[in-house]
């Protein structure tokens, strides 16, 4: 069986934050392990399958309110980890997410050069 892979439009940042995802069975919680403005790798309390779509709320560090994502799609599942892609998000929520990512990028420690 052939496998097909698509390249991400942008690199994910190694950030850890909480999120909630809404399934027919109720609300599940999870942890985001790396994040970009268009998707993330996560693990959660309820299993998902490739192709599922659901509303999601991200809690981004010191932000006072969740970033609400209208619809995210499960793109891959490997054990307890899965990848979500943002399918629908309000413009203001996208701006909040982008602002958070830009601020986080600036705060990441830069690698130091060692003398040889």
N, C-alpha and C. Protein backbone atom coordinates (compact mmCIF):
# COMPACT_ATOMS: atom_id res chain seq x y z
N UNK A 1 0.84 -1.18 0.00
CA UNK A 1 0.00 0.00 0.00
C UNK A 1 0.89 1.25 0.00
N UNK A 2 0.62 2.15 -0.90
CA UNK A 2 1.40 3.38 -0.98
C UNK A 2 0.93 4.39 0.05
N UNK A 3 1.89 5.14 0.58
CA UNK A 3 1.56 6.22 1.51
C UNK A 3 1.85 7.54 0.83
N UNK A 4 0.98 8.49 1.05
CA UNK A 4 1.16 9.81 0.49
C UNK A 4 1.33 10.81 1.62
N UNK A 5 2.26 11.69 1.47
CA UNK A 5 2.52 12.70 2.48
C UNK A 5 2.41 14.08 1.85
N UNK A 6 1.93 15.02 2.61
CA UNK A 6 1.92 16.40 2.16
C UNK A 6 2.79 17.21 3.09
N UNK A 7 3.47 18.18 2.55
CA UNK A 7 4.33 19.04 3.36
C UNK A 7 3.48 20.10 4.05
N UNK A 8 3.88 20.44 5.27
CA UNK A 8 3.19 21.51 5.98
C UNK A 8 3.51 22.85 5.34
N UNK A 9 2.55 23.74 5.39
CA UNK A 9 2.74 25.08 4.82
C UNK A 9 3.71 25.89 5.67
N UNK A 10 3.81 25.57 6.95
CA UNK A 10 4.70 26.30 7.84
C UNK A 10 5.17 25.37 8.96
N UNK A 11 6.32 25.71 9.53
CA UNK A 11 6.88 24.89 10.60
C UNK A 11 6.08 25.09 11.89
N UNK A 12 5.98 24.04 12.67
CA UNK A 12 5.32 24.14 13.97
C UNK A 12 6.34 24.56 15.02
N UNK A 13 5.85 25.29 16.02
CA UNK A 13 6.69 25.69 17.14
C UNK A 13 6.48 24.71 18.28
N UNK A 14 7.56 24.33 18.97
CA UNK A 14 7.41 23.43 20.11
C UNK A 14 6.82 24.17 21.31
N UNK A 15 5.51 24.18 21.39
CA UNK A 15 4.80 24.86 22.47
C UNK A 15 3.88 23.87 23.15
N UNK A 16 3.72 23.99 24.43
CA UNK A 16 2.82 23.10 25.15
C UNK A 16 1.67 23.94 25.70
N UNK A 17 0.45 23.56 25.35
CA UNK A 17 -0.71 24.25 25.89
C UNK A 17 -1.89 23.27 25.95
N UNK A 18 -2.90 23.65 26.66
CA UNK A 18 -4.10 22.83 26.81
C UNK A 18 -5.12 23.18 25.72
N UNK A 19 -5.98 22.22 25.43
CA UNK A 19 -7.07 22.48 24.50
C UNK A 19 -8.24 21.57 24.83
N UNK A 20 -9.40 21.94 24.31
CA UNK A 20 -10.60 21.12 24.42
C UNK A 20 -11.11 20.86 23.01
N UNK A 21 -11.64 19.65 22.81
CA UNK A 21 -12.25 19.34 21.53
C UNK A 21 -13.62 18.72 21.79
N UNK A 22 -14.54 19.06 20.92
CA UNK A 22 -15.95 18.77 21.13
C UNK A 22 -16.41 17.66 20.18
N UNK A 23 -16.76 16.51 20.78
CA UNK A 23 -17.20 15.34 20.03
C UNK A 23 -18.69 15.11 20.29
N UNK A 24 -19.31 14.23 19.53
CA UNK A 24 -20.71 13.89 19.76
C UNK A 24 -20.93 13.37 21.18
N UNK A 25 -19.92 12.69 21.72
CA UNK A 25 -20.02 12.10 23.06
C UNK A 25 -19.81 13.12 24.17
N UNK A 26 -19.35 14.32 23.84
CA UNK A 26 -19.10 15.35 24.85
C UNK A 26 -17.77 16.05 24.62
N UNK A 27 -17.29 16.70 25.66
CA UNK A 27 -16.07 17.48 25.59
C UNK A 27 -14.89 16.64 26.06
N UNK A 28 -13.81 16.67 25.29
CA UNK A 28 -12.56 15.98 25.66
C UNK A 28 -11.48 17.04 25.84
N UNK A 29 -10.47 16.71 26.62
CA UNK A 29 -9.36 17.63 26.86
C UNK A 29 -8.06 17.01 26.36
N UNK A 30 -7.13 17.88 26.04
CA UNK A 30 -5.86 17.38 25.55
C UNK A 30 -4.74 18.37 25.74
N UNK A 31 -3.58 17.97 25.26
CA UNK A 31 -2.38 18.80 25.30
C UNK A 31 -1.85 18.96 23.89
N UNK A 32 -1.54 20.19 23.53
CA UNK A 32 -0.89 20.51 22.27
C UNK A 32 0.61 20.44 22.53
N UNK A 33 1.35 19.75 21.65
CA UNK A 33 2.80 19.59 21.81
C UNK A 33 3.58 20.49 20.88
N UNK A 34 3.06 20.79 19.73
CA UNK A 34 3.66 21.79 18.85
C UNK A 34 2.54 22.42 18.02
N UNK A 35 2.77 23.66 17.62
CA UNK A 35 1.67 24.47 17.12
C UNK A 35 2.12 25.37 15.97
N UNK A 36 1.26 25.53 14.98
CA UNK A 36 1.42 26.55 13.95
C UNK A 36 0.06 27.21 13.78
N UNK A 37 -0.01 28.22 12.94
CA UNK A 37 -1.29 28.90 12.77
C UNK A 37 -2.30 28.06 12.00
N UNK A 38 -1.84 26.97 11.38
CA UNK A 38 -2.77 26.15 10.61
C UNK A 38 -2.96 24.74 11.16
N UNK A 39 -2.26 24.39 12.25
CA UNK A 39 -2.45 23.06 12.81
C UNK A 39 -1.50 22.75 13.95
N UNK A 40 -1.67 21.55 14.53
CA UNK A 40 -0.83 21.16 15.65
C UNK A 40 -0.84 19.66 15.87
N UNK A 41 0.14 19.22 16.66
CA UNK A 41 0.21 17.83 17.12
C UNK A 41 -0.25 17.82 18.56
N UNK A 42 -1.08 16.83 18.89
CA UNK A 42 -1.68 16.81 20.22
C UNK A 42 -1.90 15.38 20.69
N UNK A 43 -2.28 15.27 21.94
CA UNK A 43 -2.79 14.03 22.51
C UNK A 43 -4.00 14.42 23.34
N UNK A 44 -4.94 13.47 23.50
CA UNK A 44 -6.17 13.84 24.20
C UNK A 44 -6.79 12.70 24.97
N UNK A 45 -7.86 13.04 25.70
CA UNK A 45 -8.53 12.08 26.57
C UNK A 45 -9.54 11.21 25.84
N UNK A 46 -9.91 11.58 24.63
CA UNK A 46 -10.85 10.77 23.84
C UNK A 46 -10.22 10.44 22.49
N UNK A 47 -10.41 9.20 22.02
CA UNK A 47 -9.81 8.82 20.74
C UNK A 47 -10.48 9.55 19.56
N UNK A 48 -9.69 9.75 18.52
CA UNK A 48 -10.17 10.37 17.28
C UNK A 48 -9.75 9.49 16.11
N UNK A 49 -10.36 9.72 14.97
CA UNK A 49 -9.99 8.99 13.76
C UNK A 49 -9.73 10.00 12.64
N UNK A 50 -8.91 9.58 11.69
CA UNK A 50 -8.58 10.43 10.55
C UNK A 50 -9.85 10.84 9.83
N UNK A 51 -9.96 12.11 9.53
CA UNK A 51 -11.13 12.64 8.82
C UNK A 51 -12.18 13.29 9.71
N UNK A 52 -12.12 13.00 11.03
CA UNK A 52 -13.09 13.64 11.94
C UNK A 52 -12.90 15.15 11.91
N UNK A 53 -13.99 15.89 12.04
CA UNK A 53 -13.93 17.34 12.16
C UNK A 53 -14.69 17.74 13.41
N UNK A 54 -14.18 18.75 14.11
CA UNK A 54 -14.77 19.15 15.38
C UNK A 54 -14.41 20.59 15.73
N UNK A 55 -15.23 21.24 16.55
CA UNK A 55 -14.85 22.53 17.12
C UNK A 55 -13.77 22.30 18.17
N UNK A 56 -12.87 23.28 18.31
CA UNK A 56 -11.76 23.18 19.25
C UNK A 56 -11.55 24.54 19.91
N UNK A 57 -11.12 24.51 21.17
CA UNK A 57 -10.71 25.72 21.88
C UNK A 57 -9.30 25.52 22.41
N UNK A 58 -8.42 26.46 22.10
CA UNK A 58 -7.03 26.42 22.57
C UNK A 58 -6.84 27.39 23.71
N UNK A 59 -6.15 26.97 24.75
CA UNK A 59 -5.79 27.88 25.84
C UNK A 59 -4.31 28.21 25.68
N UNK A 60 -4.02 29.43 25.30
CA UNK A 60 -2.66 29.83 24.96
C UNK A 60 -1.99 30.58 26.11
N UNK A 61 -1.31 29.84 26.95
CA UNK A 61 -0.50 30.43 28.01
C UNK A 61 -1.24 31.40 28.88
N UNK A 62 -0.81 32.64 28.89
CA UNK A 62 -1.36 33.67 29.78
C UNK A 62 -2.56 34.40 29.20
N UNK A 63 -3.05 33.96 28.05
CA UNK A 63 -4.24 34.59 27.48
C UNK A 63 -5.42 34.40 28.43
N UNK A 64 -6.27 35.39 28.52
CA UNK A 64 -7.40 35.33 29.45
C UNK A 64 -8.58 34.54 28.92
N UNK A 65 -8.63 34.33 27.61
CA UNK A 65 -9.73 33.55 27.06
C UNK A 65 -9.21 32.62 25.98
N UNK A 66 -10.00 31.59 25.75
CA UNK A 66 -9.64 30.58 24.77
C UNK A 66 -9.65 31.15 23.36
N UNK A 67 -8.84 30.57 22.48
CA UNK A 67 -8.96 30.84 21.05
C UNK A 67 -9.92 29.79 20.51
N UNK A 68 -11.00 30.25 19.93
CA UNK A 68 -12.04 29.35 19.45
C UNK A 68 -11.83 29.05 17.97
N UNK A 69 -11.76 27.77 17.64
CA UNK A 69 -11.59 27.31 16.26
C UNK A 69 -12.88 26.61 15.86
N UNK A 70 -13.55 27.16 14.87
CA UNK A 70 -14.84 26.65 14.45
C UNK A 70 -14.82 25.19 14.04
N UNK A 71 -13.76 24.80 13.31
CA UNK A 71 -13.67 23.42 12.85
C UNK A 71 -12.20 23.06 12.61
N UNK A 72 -11.78 21.95 13.19
CA UNK A 72 -10.45 21.39 12.94
C UNK A 72 -10.63 19.95 12.49
N UNK A 73 -9.77 19.51 11.58
CA UNK A 73 -9.87 18.15 11.03
C UNK A 73 -8.67 17.32 11.47
N UNK A 74 -8.96 16.08 11.83
CA UNK A 74 -7.90 15.14 12.19
C UNK A 74 -7.25 14.66 10.89
N UNK A 75 -5.94 14.89 10.76
CA UNK A 75 -5.22 14.52 9.54
C UNK A 75 -4.42 13.23 9.68
N UNK A 76 -4.00 12.91 10.89
CA UNK A 76 -3.27 11.66 11.14
C UNK A 76 -3.42 11.26 12.60
N UNK A 77 -3.29 9.97 12.86
CA UNK A 77 -3.34 9.43 14.22
C UNK A 77 -2.21 8.41 14.34
N UNK A 78 -1.44 8.52 15.41
CA UNK A 78 -0.37 7.56 15.68
C UNK A 78 -0.35 7.33 17.18
N UNK A 79 -0.89 6.19 17.60
CA UNK A 79 -0.99 5.91 19.03
C UNK A 79 -1.93 6.93 19.67
N UNK A 80 -1.45 7.57 20.74
CA UNK A 80 -2.28 8.57 21.42
C UNK A 80 -2.08 9.98 20.86
N UNK A 81 -1.19 10.13 19.88
CA UNK A 81 -0.96 11.43 19.25
C UNK A 81 -1.77 11.56 17.96
N UNK A 82 -2.14 12.79 17.65
CA UNK A 82 -2.85 13.03 16.40
C UNK A 82 -2.56 14.45 15.93
N UNK A 83 -2.73 14.65 14.63
CA UNK A 83 -2.52 15.96 14.03
C UNK A 83 -3.84 16.58 13.65
N UNK A 84 -4.00 17.85 14.00
CA UNK A 84 -5.21 18.60 13.65
C UNK A 84 -4.84 19.74 12.71
N UNK A 85 -5.70 19.96 11.73
CA UNK A 85 -5.54 21.08 10.81
C UNK A 85 -6.73 22.01 10.97
N UNK A 86 -6.46 23.30 11.04
CA UNK A 86 -7.53 24.29 11.14
C UNK A 86 -8.24 24.34 9.79
N UNK A 87 -9.55 24.11 9.83
CA UNK A 87 -10.36 24.14 8.62
C UNK A 87 -11.18 25.43 8.56
N UNK A 88 -11.70 25.85 9.73
CA UNK A 88 -12.49 27.08 9.78
C UNK A 88 -12.18 27.81 11.08
N UNK A 89 -11.85 29.10 10.94
CA UNK A 89 -11.57 29.94 12.11
C UNK A 89 -11.97 31.37 11.78
N UNK A 90 -12.55 32.05 12.74
CA UNK A 90 -12.92 33.45 12.60
C UNK A 90 -11.65 34.29 12.41
N UNK A 91 -11.74 35.35 11.64
CA UNK A 91 -10.59 36.21 11.36
C UNK A 91 -9.95 36.75 12.63
N UNK A 92 -10.74 37.21 13.58
CA UNK A 92 -10.18 37.75 14.83
C UNK A 92 -9.48 36.68 15.63
N UNK A 93 -10.04 35.47 15.65
CA UNK A 93 -9.39 34.37 16.38
C UNK A 93 -8.08 33.98 15.69
N UNK A 94 -8.05 34.00 14.37
CA UNK A 94 -6.81 33.70 13.63
C UNK A 94 -5.75 34.75 13.96
N UNK A 95 -6.16 36.01 14.04
CA UNK A 95 -5.21 37.08 14.40
C UNK A 95 -4.66 36.88 15.80
N UNK A 96 -5.50 36.48 16.75
CA UNK A 96 -5.03 36.22 18.11
C UNK A 96 -4.03 35.07 18.13
N UNK A 97 -4.31 34.00 17.38
CA UNK A 97 -3.41 32.86 17.31
C UNK A 97 -2.09 33.27 16.67
N UNK A 98 -2.14 34.00 15.57
CA UNK A 98 -0.92 34.45 14.90
C UNK A 98 -0.09 35.35 15.80
N UNK A 99 -0.75 36.25 16.53
CA UNK A 99 -0.05 37.14 17.45
C UNK A 99 0.66 36.35 18.55
N UNK A 100 -0.03 35.36 19.10
CA UNK A 100 0.56 34.51 20.14
C UNK A 100 1.79 33.78 19.60
N UNK A 101 1.68 33.23 18.39
CA UNK A 101 2.80 32.50 17.80
C UNK A 101 3.98 33.42 17.52
N UNK A 102 3.72 34.60 17.03
CA UNK A 102 4.80 35.56 16.77
C UNK A 102 5.50 35.95 18.07
N UNK A 103 4.73 36.22 19.09
CA UNK A 103 5.29 36.58 20.40
C UNK A 103 6.12 35.41 20.95
N UNK A 104 5.63 34.19 20.81
CA UNK A 104 6.35 33.01 21.28
C UNK A 104 7.63 32.79 20.50
N UNK A 105 7.60 33.05 19.21
CA UNK A 105 8.78 32.90 18.36
C UNK A 105 9.88 33.84 18.82
N UNK A 106 9.50 35.06 19.18
CA UNK A 106 10.49 36.04 19.64
C UNK A 106 11.07 35.68 21.00
N UNK A 107 10.30 34.94 21.80
CA UNK A 107 10.75 34.58 23.15
C UNK A 107 11.55 33.29 23.20
N UNK A 108 11.58 32.53 22.10
CA UNK A 108 12.33 31.27 22.08
C UNK A 108 13.82 31.56 22.24
N UNK A 109 14.52 30.76 23.07
CA UNK A 109 15.96 30.96 23.18
C UNK A 109 16.66 30.63 21.87
N UNK A 110 17.62 31.44 21.53
CA UNK A 110 18.37 31.23 20.30
C UNK A 110 19.56 30.32 20.58
N UNK A 111 19.89 29.44 19.64
CA UNK A 111 21.03 28.56 19.85
C UNK A 111 22.32 29.36 19.95
N UNK A 112 23.18 28.93 20.83
CA UNK A 112 24.45 29.63 20.99
C UNK A 112 25.51 28.91 20.17
N UNK A 113 26.47 29.67 19.68
CA UNK A 113 27.55 29.10 18.89
C UNK A 113 28.68 28.73 19.84
N UNK A 114 29.22 27.57 19.61
CA UNK A 114 30.33 27.12 20.43
C UNK A 114 31.61 27.25 19.62
N UNK A 115 32.66 27.67 20.30
CA UNK A 115 33.97 27.79 19.65
C UNK A 115 34.52 26.38 19.40
N UNK A 116 35.17 26.22 18.27
CA UNK A 116 35.74 24.92 17.93
C UNK A 116 37.21 24.90 18.18
